[in-house]
Amino acid sequence: MTRRAACVLLLALAGCTAPESPTNYRGWANPAIVRGDGIEAVVIPSLGRIMDLRRPGEKEGVLWQNPDLRGEAVRPEAETWTNFGGDKTWPAPESRWMKSAAGKWMPPKVFDQSRLTARLTAEGLLLESPVDALSGVRFTRLIRPAGRRTLAVTTTYTKVQGDPIQIAVWVVTQLAEPRVIATTANPVGNPVNLGFGKVKGVEIEQGVVFWKRFPDVCAKLGTTGRALAWVGDRHTLLITSVPGEPTGVFAGEGNSAELYVNPDPLPYVELETLGHLRTLRVGESTACTNFYRLDETREGEAPKAAARRLLESAR
């Protein structure tokens, strides 16, 4: 991290005003702005997530935010899921926690509805969670500049208490309405692994899976890819995932990359990455690093051509 970037982070965390670091972001106090070369992340520690990725000076980036929840606090006692949007981490496999005691789909509160502590380190902004009672795991997220228009987020799960547990890092990035989303197809067998829902409109061309959102579709699919692309009207985003361990079985039914589309009235999609499934004992950790590269849409370039170009650049 450059000295200038560290100073910007320090100012934001202290609640002071840097040129593009507001002290109040859409009703949430004390945002932390992590700024790299041509990209910045708006982090809301009190929500436990990244709420936007944008170019410096922009008011609107690419992450989807629920407009009905702006400025609201986390709701750990809610009986139904409170979907703020943004970029966050949940533990995989989902089957371990997918239903609450009331029988409703509900991510673990520590991962989805908790304030995180934030502090500046020599590498970047470090977010740290409380210990999750169900898994005995604490997670951290280190957000740092990583080159031209790129930020890196390293998500680490550490076993703090309790019996050994099988777990993997899962990162869920909710994005605004795209022109197209894409990932690489499986190299052998079926090109995609169907997740759930009414999967329609998927196009597979020369090893690339292209999809888009439909007003009436709630569905997910996955592949063994390690890169995902989102193409919008003004921006493109490439997410590349690097697991901390070189080999292993991926937690998402064998998927390492997943695409999800949400129906109206909440028009968003998700690009999701999954790490290797590991058995953690007290004192052991597992980690995964995502690289987010934000660029401007090229004039005259077709959406699918842009997505293919992004995925090829990740190889």
C-alpha atoms as a PDB file:
ATOM      1  CA  MET A   1       0.000   0.000   0.000  1.00  0.00           C
ATOM      2  CA  THR A   2       1.264   3.486  -0.825  1.00  0.00           C
ATOM      3  CA  ARG A   3       1.704   6.079   1.889  1.00  0.00           C
ATOM      4  CA  ARG A   4      -0.997   8.233   0.259  1.00  0.00           C
ATOM      5  CA  ALA A   5      -3.499   5.343   0.232  1.00  0.00           C
ATOM      6  CA  ALA A   6      -2.780   4.638   3.891  1.00  0.00           C
ATOM      7  CA  CYS A   7      -3.410   8.290   4.746  1.00  0.00           C
ATOM      8  CA  VAL A   8      -6.772   8.252   2.962  1.00  0.00           C
ATOM      9  CA  LEU A   9      -7.767   5.144   4.906  1.00  0.00           C
ATOM     10  CA  LEU A  10      -6.690   6.679   8.180  1.00  0.00           C
ATOM     11  CA  LEU A  11      -8.677   9.846   7.527  1.00  0.00           C
ATOM     12  CA  ALA A  12     -11.797   7.888   6.651  1.00  0.00           C
ATOM     13  CA  LEU A  13     -11.571   5.656   9.700  1.00  0.00           C
ATOM     14  CA  ALA A  14     -11.021   8.643  11.959  1.00  0.00           C
ATOM     15  CA  GLY A  15     -14.228  10.204  10.674  1.00  0.00           C
ATOM     16  CA  CYS A  16     -12.378  13.103   9.016  1.00  0.00           C
ATOM     17  CA  THR A  17     -13.049  14.304   5.508  1.00  0.00           C
ATOM     18  CA  ALA A  18     -10.756  13.331   2.663  1.00  0.00           C
ATOM     19  CA  PRO A  19     -11.521  14.713  -0.852  1.00  0.00           C
ATOM     20  CA  GLU A  20     -13.855  11.793  -1.695  1.00  0.00           C
ATOM     21  CA  SER A  21     -14.383  10.207   1.732  1.00  0.00           C
ATOM     22  CA  PRO A  22     -17.749  11.264   3.230  1.00  0.00           C
ATOM     23  CA  THR A  23     -18.283  10.907   6.961  1.00  0.00           C
ATOM     24  CA  ASN A  24     -21.831   9.743   6.306  1.00  0.00           C
ATOM     25  CA  TYR A  25     -22.673   7.467   3.408  1.00  0.00           C
ATOM     26  CA  ARG A  26     -26.375   7.240   2.581  1.00  0.00           C
ATOM     27  CA  GLY A  27     -27.338   7.351   6.230  1.00  0.00           C
ATOM     28  CA  TRP A  28     -24.560   5.075   7.543  1.00  0.00           C
ATOM     29  CA  ALA A  29     -22.052   6.828   9.768  1.00  0.00           C
ATOM     30  CA  ASN A  30     -18.282   6.380   9.662  1.00  0.00           C
ATOM     31  CA  PRO A  31     -17.752   4.679   6.303  1.00  0.00           C
ATOM     32  CA  ALA A  32     -14.237   3.568   5.471  1.00  0.00           C
ATOM     33  CA  ILE A  33     -13.034   4.327   1.936  1.00  0.00           C
ATOM     34  CA  VAL A  34     -10.353   1.972   0.619  1.00  0.00           C
ATOM     35  CA  ARG A  35      -8.849   3.625  -2.422  1.00  0.00           C
ATOM     36  CA  GLY A  36      -6.589   2.106  -5.046  1.00  0.00           C
ATOM     37  CA  ASP A  37      -5.449   3.185  -8.508  1.00  0.00           C
ATOM     38  CA  GLY A  38      -8.717   4.113 -10.238  1.00  0.00           C
ATOM     39  CA  ILE A  39     -10.988   2.175  -7.860  1.00  0.00           C
ATOM     40  CA  GLU A  40     -12.391   2.563  -4.375  1.00  0.00           C
ATOM     41  CA  ALA A  41     -14.488   0.451  -2.037  1.00  0.00           C
ATOM     42  CA  VAL A  42     -17.058   1.971   0.291  1.00  0.00           C
ATOM     43  CA  VAL A  43     -16.961  -0.170   3.434  1.00  0.00           C
ATOM     44  CA  ILE A  44     -19.585   0.086   6.173  1.00  0.00           C
ATOM     45  CA  PRO A  45     -18.150  -1.714   9.248  1.00  0.00           C
ATOM     46  CA  SER A  46     -21.439  -1.348  11.121  1.00  0.00           C
ATOM     47  CA  LEU A  47     -23.095  -3.439   8.364  1.00  0.00           C
ATOM     48  CA  GLY A  48     -20.215  -5.885   8.083  1.00  0.00           C
ATOM     49  CA  ARG A  49     -19.817  -5.522   4.326  1.00  0.00           C
ATOM     50  CA  ILE A  50     -18.580  -3.593   1.313  1.00  0.00           C
ATOM     51  CA  MET A  51     -21.468  -1.479   0.064  1.00  0.00           C
ATOM     52  CA  ASP A  52     -20.033  -0.225  -3.222  1.00  0.00           C
ATOM     53  CA  LEU A  53     -17.187  -0.470  -5.703  1.00  0.00           C
ATOM     54  CA  ARG A  54     -16.737   2.629  -7.839  1.00  0.00           C
ATOM     55  CA  ARG A  55     -14.320   4.924  -9.602  1.00  0.00           C
ATOM     56  CA  PRO A  56     -12.959   7.781  -7.442  1.00  0.00           C
ATOM     57  CA  GLY A  57     -15.282  10.757  -7.674  1.00  0.00           C
ATOM     58  CA  GLU A  58     -18.324   8.722  -8.654  1.00  0.00           C
ATOM     59  CA  LYS A  59     -21.488   8.756  -6.571  1.00  0.00           C
ATOM     60  CA  GLU A  60     -22.796   5.438  -7.887  1.00  0.00           C
ATOM     61  CA  GLY A  61     -20.813   2.271  -8.441  1.00  0.00           C
ATOM     62  CA  VAL A  62     -21.680  -1.278  -9.433  1.00  0.00           C
ATOM     63  CA  LEU A  63     -22.818  -3.011  -6.234  1.00  0.00           C
ATOM     64  CA  TRP A  64     -26.548  -3.353  -5.631  1.00  0.00           C
ATOM     65  CA  GLN A  65     -27.969  -1.756  -2.514  1.00  0.00           C
ATOM     66  CA  ASN A  66     -31.469  -2.265  -1.197  1.00  0.00           C
ATOM     67  CA  PRO A  67     -32.951   1.267  -1.449  1.00  0.00           C
ATOM     68  CA  ASP A  68     -35.487   0.529   1.296  1.00  0.00           C
ATOM     69  CA  LEU A  69     -32.745  -0.189   3.858  1.00  0.00           C
ATOM     70  CA  ARG A  70     -30.339   2.700   3.351  1.00  0.00           C
ATOM     71  CA  GLY A  71     -29.133   4.021   6.681  1.00  0.00           C
ATOM     72  CA  GLU A  72     -30.679   1.112   8.597  1.00  0.00           C
ATOM     73  CA  ALA A  73     -28.793  -0.914  11.205  1.00  0.00           C
ATOM     74  CA  VAL A  74     -28.175  -4.661  11.090  1.00  0.00           C
ATOM     75  CA  ARG A  75     -31.008  -6.791  12.435  1.00  0.00           C
ATOM     76  CA  PRO A  76     -29.583  -9.813  14.263  1.00  0.00           C
ATOM     77  CA  GLU A  77     -32.920 -10.519  15.964  1.00  0.00           C
ATOM     78  CA  ALA A  78     -35.041 -10.438  12.797  1.00  0.00           C
ATOM     79  CA  GLU A  79     -36.991 -13.591  11.985  1.00  0.00           C
ATOM     80  CA  THR A  80     -36.565 -13.157   8.224  1.00  0.00           C
ATOM     81  CA  TRP A  81     -33.496 -12.277   6.157  1.00  0.00           C
ATOM     82  CA  THR A  82     -32.674  -8.578   5.906  1.00  0.00           C
ATOM     83  CA  ASN A  83     -30.998  -8.117   2.520  1.00  0.00           C
ATOM     84  CA  PHE A  84     -28.900  -4.938   2.513  1.00  0.00           C
ATOM     85  CA  GLY A  85     -26.984  -5.811  -0.664  1.00  0.00           C
ATOM     86  CA  GLY A  86     -23.253  -5.267  -1.132  1.00  0.00           C
ATOM     87  CA  ASP A  87     -20.404  -7.766  -0.828  1.00  0.00           C
ATOM     88  CA  LYS A  88     -20.170 -10.121   2.184  1.00  0.00           C
ATOM     89  CA  THR A  89     -19.076 -13.585   3.236  1.00  0.00           C
ATOM     90  CA  TRP A  90     -21.141 -16.558   4.353  1.00  0.00           C
ATOM     91  CA  PRO A  91     -19.832 -19.972   5.396  1.00  0.00           C
ATOM     92  CA  ALA A  92     -20.268 -22.929   3.063  1.00  0.00           C
ATOM     93  CA  PRO A  93     -21.812 -25.440   2.761  1.00  0.00           C
ATOM     94  CA  GLU A  94     -25.141 -23.667   2.902  1.00  0.00           C
ATOM     95  CA  SER A  95     -26.909 -26.864   3.938  1.00  0.00           C
ATOM     96  CA  ARG A  96     -25.376 -26.526   7.417  1.00  0.00           C
ATOM     97  CA  TRP A  97     -27.281 -23.353   8.244  1.00  0.00           C
ATOM     98  CA  MET A  98     -29.859 -22.678   5.540  1.00  0.00           C
ATOM     99  CA  LYS A  99     -32.881 -22.886   7.871  1.00  0.00           C
ATOM    100  CA  SER A 100     -33.341 -21.045  11.148  1.00  0.00           C
ATOM    101  CA  ALA A 101     -35.076 -22.490  14.187  1.00  0.00           C
ATOM    102  CA  ALA A 102     -38.313 -21.170  12.689  1.00  0.00           C
ATOM    103  CA  GLY A 103     -37.688 -23.157   9.505  1.00  0.00           C
ATOM    104  CA  LYS A 104     -36.881 -20.079   7.399  1.00  0.00           C
ATOM    105  CA  TRP A 105     -33.884 -19.483   5.148  1.00  0.00           C
ATOM    106  CA  MET A 106     -31.476 -17.387   7.211  1.00  0.00           C
ATOM    107  CA  PRO A 107     -27.702 -16.828   6.949  1.00  0.00           C
ATOM    108  CA  PRO A 108     -25.769 -16.989  10.241  1.00  0.00           C
ATOM    109  CA  LYS A 109     -26.173 -13.720  12.138  1.00  0.00           C
ATOM    110  CA  VAL A 110     -22.467 -13.182  12.795  1.00  0.00           C
ATOM    111  CA  PHE A 111     -21.711 -13.462   9.087  1.00  0.00           C
ATOM    112  CA  ASP A 112     -24.677 -11.475   7.786  1.00  0.00           C
ATOM    113  CA  GLN A 113     -26.107  -9.255  10.530  1.00  0.00           C
ATOM    114  CA  SER A 114     -23.216  -8.170  12.758  1.00  0.00           C
ATOM    115  CA  ARG A 115     -21.109  -5.089  13.231  1.00  0.00           C
ATOM    116  CA  LEU A 116     -17.451  -5.717  12.425  1.00  0.00           C
ATOM    117  CA  THR A 117     -14.480  -3.982  14.002  1.00  0.00           C
ATOM    118  CA  ALA A 118     -12.270  -2.089  11.558  1.00  0.00           C
ATOM    119  CA  ARG A 119      -8.640  -1.133  11.886  1.00  0.00           C
ATOM    120  CA  LEU A 120      -5.873   0.011   9.606  1.00  0.00           C
ATOM    121  CA  THR A 121      -2.916  -2.325   9.113  1.00  0.00           C
ATOM    122  CA  ALA A 122       0.255  -2.029   7.060  1.00  0.00           C
ATOM    123  CA  GLU A 123      -1.513  -3.903   4.246  1.00  0.00           C
ATOM    124  CA  GLY A 124      -4.971  -2.353   4.232  1.00  0.00           C
ATOM    125  CA  LEU A 125      -8.272  -2.178   6.067  1.00  0.00           C
ATOM    126  CA  LEU A 126      -8.924  -5.207   8.277  1.00  0.00           C
ATOM    127  CA  LEU A 127     -12.483  -6.116   9.289  1.00  0.00           C
ATOM    128  CA  GLU A 128     -12.978  -8.634  12.107  1.00  0.00           C
ATOM    129  CA  SER A 129     -16.138 -10.411  13.238  1.00  0.00           C
ATOM    130  CA  PRO A 130     -17.276 -11.746  16.589  1.00  0.00           C
ATOM    131  CA  VAL A 131     -17.168 -15.536  17.038  1.00  0.00           C
ATOM    132  CA  ASP A 132     -20.050 -17.385  15.399  1.00  0.00           C
ATOM    133  CA  ALA A 133     -21.634 -19.649  18.038  1.00  0.00           C
ATOM    134  CA  LEU A 134     -22.823 -22.255  15.504  1.00  0.00           C
ATOM    135  CA  SER A 135     -19.451 -22.882  13.862  1.00  0.00           C
ATOM    136  CA  GLY A 136     -17.021 -21.562  16.469  1.00  0.00           C
ATOM    137  CA  VAL A 137     -15.429 -19.486  13.692  1.00  0.00           C
ATOM    138  CA  ARG A 138     -14.304 -15.865  13.552  1.00  0.00           C
ATOM    139  CA  PHE A 139     -13.711 -14.286  10.144  1.00  0.00           C
ATOM    140  CA  THR A 140     -11.610 -11.391   8.925  1.00  0.00           C
ATOM    141  CA  ARG A 141     -11.629  -9.516   5.635  1.00  0.00           C
ATOM    142  CA  LEU A 142      -8.510  -7.628   4.538  1.00  0.00           C
ATOM    143  CA  ILE A 143      -9.282  -5.047   1.832  1.00  0.00           C
ATOM    144  CA  ARG A 144      -6.308  -3.569   0.012  1.00  0.00           C
ATOM    145  CA  PRO A 145      -5.233  -1.992  -3.292  1.00  0.00           C
ATOM    146  CA  ALA A 146      -3.855  -4.571  -5.734  1.00  0.00           C
ATOM    147  CA  GLY A 147      -2.839  -2.817  -8.941  1.00  0.00           C
ATOM    148  CA  ARG A 148      -4.518  -0.753 -11.646  1.00  0.00           C
ATOM    149  CA  ARG A 149      -8.252  -0.452 -10.990  1.00  0.00           C
ATOM    150  CA  THR A 150      -8.058  -3.510  -8.745  1.00  0.00           C
ATOM    151  CA  LEU A 151      -8.754  -4.211  -5.091  1.00  0.00           C
ATOM    152  CA  ALA A 152      -8.059  -7.483  -3.287  1.00  0.00           C
ATOM    153  CA  VAL A 153     -10.171  -8.874  -0.458  1.00  0.00           C
ATOM    154  CA  THR A 154      -8.732 -11.766   1.551  1.00  0.00           C
ATOM    155  CA  THR A 155     -11.382 -13.532   3.603  1.00  0.00           C
ATOM    156  CA  THR A 156     -10.072 -15.780   6.384  1.00  0.00           C
ATOM    157  CA  TYR A 157     -12.022 -18.129   8.646  1.00  0.00           C
ATOM    158  CA  THR A 158     -10.304 -19.113  11.910  1.00  0.00           C
ATOM    159  CA  LYS A 159     -11.603 -21.828  14.229  1.00  0.00           C
ATOM    160  CA  VAL A 160     -11.709 -20.355  17.744  1.00  0.00           C
ATOM    161  CA  GLN A 161     -13.775 -22.805  19.778  1.00  0.00           C
ATOM    162  CA  GLY A 162     -15.729 -26.040  19.659  1.00  0.00           C
ATOM    163  CA  ASP A 163     -15.463 -29.331  17.820  1.00  0.00           C
ATOM    164  CA  PRO A 164     -13.810 -29.673  14.388  1.00  0.00           C
ATOM    165  CA  ILE A 165     -15.974 -28.425  11.525  1.00  0.00           C
ATOM    166  CA  GLN A 166     -15.982 -28.749   7.745  1.00  0.00           C
ATOM    167  CA  ILE A 167     -16.237 -25.269   6.273  1.00  0.00           C
ATOM    168  CA  ALA A 168     -15.252 -23.192   3.259  1.00  0.00           C
ATOM    169  CA  VAL A 169     -15.059 -19.488   2.437  1.00  0.00           C
ATOM    170  CA  TRP A 170     -18.015 -18.258   0.394  1.00  0.00           C
ATOM    171  CA  VAL A 171     -18.145 -14.688  -0.917  1.00  0.00           C
ATOM    172  CA  VAL A 172     -21.404 -13.239  -2.249  1.00  0.00           C
ATOM    173  CA  THR A 173     -21.269 -10.067  -4.352  1.00  0.00           C
ATOM    174  CA  GLN A 174     -24.613  -8.479  -5.205  1.00  0.00           C
ATOM    175  CA  LEU A 175     -24.542  -6.299  -8.305  1.00  0.00           C
ATOM    176  CA  ALA A 176     -26.920  -3.964 -10.099  1.00  0.00           C
ATOM    177  CA  GLU A 177     -28.858  -4.932 -13.240  1.00  0.00           C
ATOM    178  CA  PRO A 178     -26.339  -6.161 -15.846  1.00  0.00           C
ATOM    179  CA  ARG A 179     -26.315  -6.320 -19.591  1.00  0.00           C
ATOM    180  CA  VAL A 180     -24.741  -9.755 -19.163  1.00  0.00           C
ATOM    181  CA  ILE A 181     -23.003 -11.884 -16.537  1.00  0.00           C
ATOM    182  CA  ALA A 182     -20.618 -14.700 -17.364  1.00  0.00           C
ATOM    183  CA  THR A 183     -18.198 -17.331 -16.149  1.00  0.00           C
ATOM    184  CA  THR A 184     -16.201 -20.147 -17.716  1.00  0.00           C
ATOM    185  CA  ALA A 185     -17.983 -23.419 -18.461  1.00  0.00           C
ATOM    186  CA  ASN A 186     -16.986 -26.773 -17.004  1.00  0.00           C
ATOM    187  CA  PRO A 187     -14.238 -28.236 -19.214  1.00  0.00           C
ATOM    188  CA  VAL A 188     -15.749 -31.758 -19.133  1.00  0.00           C
ATOM    189  CA  GLY A 189     -19.271 -33.129 -18.736  1.00  0.00           C
ATOM    190  CA  ASN A 190     -22.182 -30.723 -18.473  1.00  0.00           C
ATOM    191  CA  PRO A 191     -21.000 -27.150 -19.132  1.00  0.00           C
ATOM    192  CA  VAL A 192     -22.981 -25.880 -16.118  1.00  0.00           C
ATOM    193  CA  ASN A 193     -24.182 -27.344 -12.836  1.00  0.00           C
ATOM    194  CA  LEU A 194     -27.784 -26.404 -12.210  1.00  0.00           C
ATOM    195  CA  GLY A 195     -28.330 -24.990  -8.744  1.00  0.00           C
ATOM    196  CA  PHE A 196     -32.030 -24.285  -8.290  1.00  0.00           C
ATOM    197  CA  GLY A 197     -34.953 -22.416  -9.758  1.00  0.00           C
ATOM    198  CA  LYS A 198     -36.288 -21.816 -13.228  1.00  0.00           C
ATOM    199  CA  VAL A 199     -33.014 -21.582 -15.124  1.00  0.00           C
ATOM    200  CA  LYS A 200     -33.707 -20.099 -18.551  1.00  0.00           C
ATOM    201  CA  GLY A 201     -31.926 -17.999 -21.132  1.00  0.00           C
ATOM    202  CA  VAL A 202     -28.455 -19.460 -20.502  1.00  0.00           C
ATOM    203  CA  GLU A 203     -26.143 -19.255 -23.525  1.00  0.00           C
ATOM    204  CA  ILE A 204     -22.958 -21.314 -23.751  1.00  0.00           C
ATOM    205  CA  GLU A 205     -20.520 -20.330 -26.465  1.00  0.00           C
ATOM    206  CA  GLN A 206     -16.956 -21.578 -26.857  1.00  0.00           C
ATOM    207  CA  GLY A 207     -16.436 -22.395 -23.204  1.00  0.00           C
ATOM    208  CA  VAL A 208     -18.161 -19.327 -21.737  1.00  0.00           C
ATOM    209  CA  VAL A 209     -21.509 -19.290 -19.899  1.00  0.00           C
ATOM    210  CA  PHE A 210     -23.560 -16.127 -20.543  1.00  0.00           C
ATOM    211  CA  TRP A 211     -26.676 -15.205 -18.567  1.00  0.00           C
ATOM    212  CA  LYS A 212     -28.843 -12.230 -17.654  1.00  0.00           C
ATOM    213  CA  ARG A 213     -31.593 -11.339 -15.204  1.00  0.00           C
ATOM    214  CA  PHE A 214     -35.262 -11.953 -15.944  1.00  0.00           C
ATOM    215  CA  PRO A 215     -38.121 -10.212 -14.079  1.00  0.00           C
ATOM    216  CA  ASP A 216     -39.765 -13.540 -13.180  1.00  0.00           C
ATOM    217  CA  VAL A 217     -36.747 -15.769 -12.484  1.00  0.00           C
ATOM    218  CA  CYS A 218     -35.124 -16.730  -9.178  1.00  0.00           C
ATOM    219  CA  ALA A 219     -32.381 -19.194 -10.082  1.00  0.00           C
ATOM    220  CA  LYS A 220     -28.751 -20.193  -9.672  1.00  0.00           C
ATOM    221  CA  LEU A 221     -26.164 -22.123 -11.653  1.00  0.00           C
ATOM    222  CA  GLY A 222     -22.495 -22.886 -11.100  1.00  0.00           C
ATOM    223  CA  THR A 223     -19.278 -24.086 -12.678  1.00  0.00           C
ATOM    224  CA  THR A 224     -15.721 -24.958 -11.727  1.00  0.00           C
ATOM    225  CA  GLY A 225     -14.510 -21.569 -12.992  1.00  0.00           C
ATOM    226  CA  ARG A 226     -12.391 -19.179 -10.935  1.00  0.00           C
ATOM    227  CA  ALA A 227     -13.417 -15.930 -12.639  1.00  0.00           C
ATOM    228  CA  LEU A 228     -16.752 -14.149 -13.099  1.00  0.00           C
ATOM    229  CA  ALA A 229     -17.644 -11.150 -15.238  1.00  0.00           C
ATOM    230  CA  TRP A 230     -20.349  -8.498 -14.953  1.00  0.00           C
ATOM    231  CA  VAL A 231     -21.004  -6.048 -17.800  1.00  0.00           C
ATOM    232  CA  GLY A 232     -23.192  -2.995 -17.238  1.00  0.00           C
ATOM    233  CA  ASP A 233     -24.020   0.142 -19.191  1.00  0.00           C
ATOM    234  CA  ARG A 234     -21.081   2.163 -17.805  1.00  0.00           C
ATOM    235  CA  HIS A 235     -18.792  -0.334 -16.049  1.00  0.00           C
ATOM    236  CA  THR A 236     -17.415  -3.813 -16.216  1.00  0.00           C
ATOM    237  CA  LEU A 237     -16.316  -5.862 -13.214  1.00  0.00           C
ATOM    238  CA  LEU A 238     -14.091  -8.929 -13.189  1.00  0.00           C
ATOM    239  CA  ILE A 239     -13.885 -11.035 -10.026  1.00  0.00           C
ATOM    240  CA  THR A 240     -11.068 -13.575  -9.844  1.00  0.00           C
ATOM    241  CA  SER A 241     -10.842 -15.939  -6.893  1.00  0.00           C
ATOM    242  CA  VAL A 242      -7.649 -17.536  -5.561  1.00  0.00           C
ATOM    243  CA  PRO A 243      -8.088 -20.129  -2.784  1.00  0.00           C
ATOM    244  CA  GLY A 244      -5.580 -20.172   0.033  1.00  0.00           C
ATOM    245  CA  GLU A 245      -4.986 -23.907  -0.401  1.00  0.00           C
ATOM    246  CA  PRO A 246      -3.765 -25.277  -3.749  1.00  0.00           C
ATOM    247  CA  THR A 247      -6.109 -28.281  -3.930  1.00  0.00           C
ATOM    248  CA  GLY A 248      -9.323 -29.581  -2.452  1.00  0.00           C
ATOM    249  CA  VAL A 249     -13.017 -30.158  -3.012  1.00  0.00           C
ATOM    250  CA  PHE A 250     -15.086 -27.036  -3.542  1.00  0.00           C
ATOM    251  CA  ALA A 251     -17.950 -26.578  -1.113  1.00  0.00           C
ATOM    252  CA  GLY A 252     -20.707 -25.483  -3.500  1.00  0.00           C
ATOM    253  CA  GLU A 253     -21.749 -28.892  -4.844  1.00  0.00           C
ATOM    254  CA  GLY A 254     -18.397 -28.907  -6.622  1.00  0.00           C
ATOM    255  CA  ASN A 255     -18.831 -25.317  -7.835  1.00  0.00           C
ATOM    256  CA  SER A 256     -16.159 -22.681  -7.352  1.00  0.00           C
ATOM    257  CA  ALA A 257     -18.087 -19.992  -9.265  1.00  0.00           C
ATOM    258  CA  GLU A 258     -21.830 -19.380  -9.076  1.00  0.00           C
ATOM    259  CA  LEU A 259     -24.252 -17.000 -10.794  1.00  0.00           C
ATOM    260  CA  TYR A 260     -27.580 -16.050  -9.228  1.00  0.00           C
ATOM    261  CA  VAL A 261     -30.379 -13.911 -10.713  1.00  0.00           C
ATOM    262  CA  ASN A 262     -33.123 -12.339  -8.615  1.00  0.00           C
ATOM    263  CA  PRO A 263     -36.631 -11.470  -9.833  1.00  0.00           C
ATOM    264  CA  ASP A 264     -38.486  -8.194  -9.498  1.00  0.00           C
ATOM    265  CA  PRO A 265     -39.028  -6.149  -7.408  1.00  0.00           C
ATOM    266  CA  LEU A 266     -35.353  -6.420  -6.313  1.00  0.00           C
ATOM    267  CA  PRO A 267     -33.376  -6.225  -9.571  1.00  0.00           C
ATOM    268  CA  TYR A 268     -29.966  -7.650  -8.714  1.00  0.00           C
ATOM    269  CA  VAL A 269     -27.652 -10.506  -9.592  1.00  0.00           C
ATOM    270  CA  GLU A 270     -24.955 -12.251  -7.595  1.00  0.00           C
ATOM    271  CA  LEU A 271     -21.443 -13.301  -8.539  1.00  0.00           C
ATOM    272  CA  GLU A 272     -20.366 -15.855  -5.939  1.00  0.00           C
ATOM    273  CA  THR A 273     -17.039 -17.553  -5.264  1.00  0.00           C
ATOM    274  CA  LEU A 274     -16.366 -20.622  -3.115  1.00  0.00           C
ATOM    275  CA  GLY A 275     -13.150 -21.918  -1.615  1.00  0.00           C
ATOM    276  CA  HIS A 276     -12.031 -25.428  -0.779  1.00  0.00           C
ATOM    277  CA  LEU A 277     -13.840 -27.374   1.926  1.00  0.00           C
ATOM    278  CA  ARG A 278     -11.563 -27.821   4.935  1.00  0.00           C
ATOM    279  CA  THR A 279     -11.861 -29.497   8.337  1.00  0.00           C
ATOM    280  CA  LEU A 280     -10.809 -26.870  10.866  1.00  0.00           C
ATOM    281  CA  ARG A 281      -9.741 -27.533  14.427  1.00  0.00           C
ATOM    282  CA  VAL A 282      -9.193 -24.864  17.064  1.00  0.00           C
ATOM    283  CA  GLY A 283      -6.358 -22.590  15.944  1.00  0.00           C
ATOM    284  CA  GLU A 284      -6.595 -23.539  12.248  1.00  0.00           C
ATOM    285  CA  SER A 285      -7.655 -21.264   9.375  1.00  0.00           C
ATOM    286  CA  THR A 286      -8.782 -21.325   5.765  1.00  0.00           C
ATOM    287  CA  ALA A 287      -8.715 -18.354   3.390  1.00  0.00           C
ATOM    288  CA  CYS A 288      -9.591 -17.161  -0.096  1.00  0.00           C
ATOM    289  CA  THR A 289      -8.638 -13.962  -1.934  1.00  0.00           C
ATOM    290  CA  ASN A 290     -10.885 -12.241  -4.455  1.00  0.00           C
ATOM    291  CA  PHE A 291      -9.530  -9.660  -6.893  1.00  0.00           C
ATOM    292  CA  TYR A 292     -12.033  -7.054  -8.109  1.00  0.00           C
ATOM    293  CA  ARG A 293     -11.105  -5.168 -11.285  1.00  0.00           C
ATOM    294  CA  LEU A 294     -13.378  -2.309 -12.268  1.00  0.00           C
ATOM    295  CA  ASP A 295     -13.233  -0.773 -15.752  1.00  0.00           C
ATOM    296  CA  GLU A 296     -15.349   1.411 -17.960  1.00  0.00           C
ATOM    297  CA  THR A 297     -17.505  -0.164 -20.652  1.00  0.00           C
ATOM    298  CA  ARG A 298     -15.859   0.189 -24.057  1.00  0.00           C
ATOM    299  CA  GLU A 299     -17.862   2.151 -26.572  1.00  0.00           C
ATOM    300  CA  GLY A 300     -19.312  -0.073 -29.293  1.00  0.00           C
ATOM    301  CA  GLU A 301     -18.251  -3.367 -27.674  1.00  0.00           C
ATOM    302  CA  ALA A 302     -20.984  -5.993 -27.490  1.00  0.00           C
ATOM    303  CA  PRO A 303     -21.771  -7.164 -23.926  1.00  0.00           C
ATOM    304  CA  LYS A 304     -20.848 -10.796 -24.563  1.00  0.00           C
ATOM    305  CA  ALA A 305     -17.614  -9.770 -26.272  1.00  0.00           C
ATOM    306  CA  ALA A 306     -16.742  -7.646 -23.247  1.00  0.00           C
ATOM    307  CA  ALA A 307     -17.464 -10.500 -20.841  1.00  0.00           C
ATOM    308  CA  ARG A 308     -15.354 -12.922 -22.877  1.00  0.00           C
ATOM    309  CA  ARG A 309     -12.484 -10.427 -22.979  1.00  0.00           C
ATOM    310  CA  LEU A 310     -12.604 -10.032 -19.202  1.00  0.00           C
ATOM    311  CA  LEU A 311     -12.580 -13.777 -18.566  1.00  0.00           C
ATOM    312  CA  GLU A 312      -9.740 -14.343 -21.006  1.00  0.00           C
ATOM    313  CA  SER A 313      -7.678 -11.669 -19.237  1.00  0.00           C
ATOM    314  CA  ALA A 314      -7.969 -13.672 -16.013  1.00  0.00           C
ATOM    315  CA  ARG A 315      -6.292 -16.782 -17.450  1.00  0.00           C
END
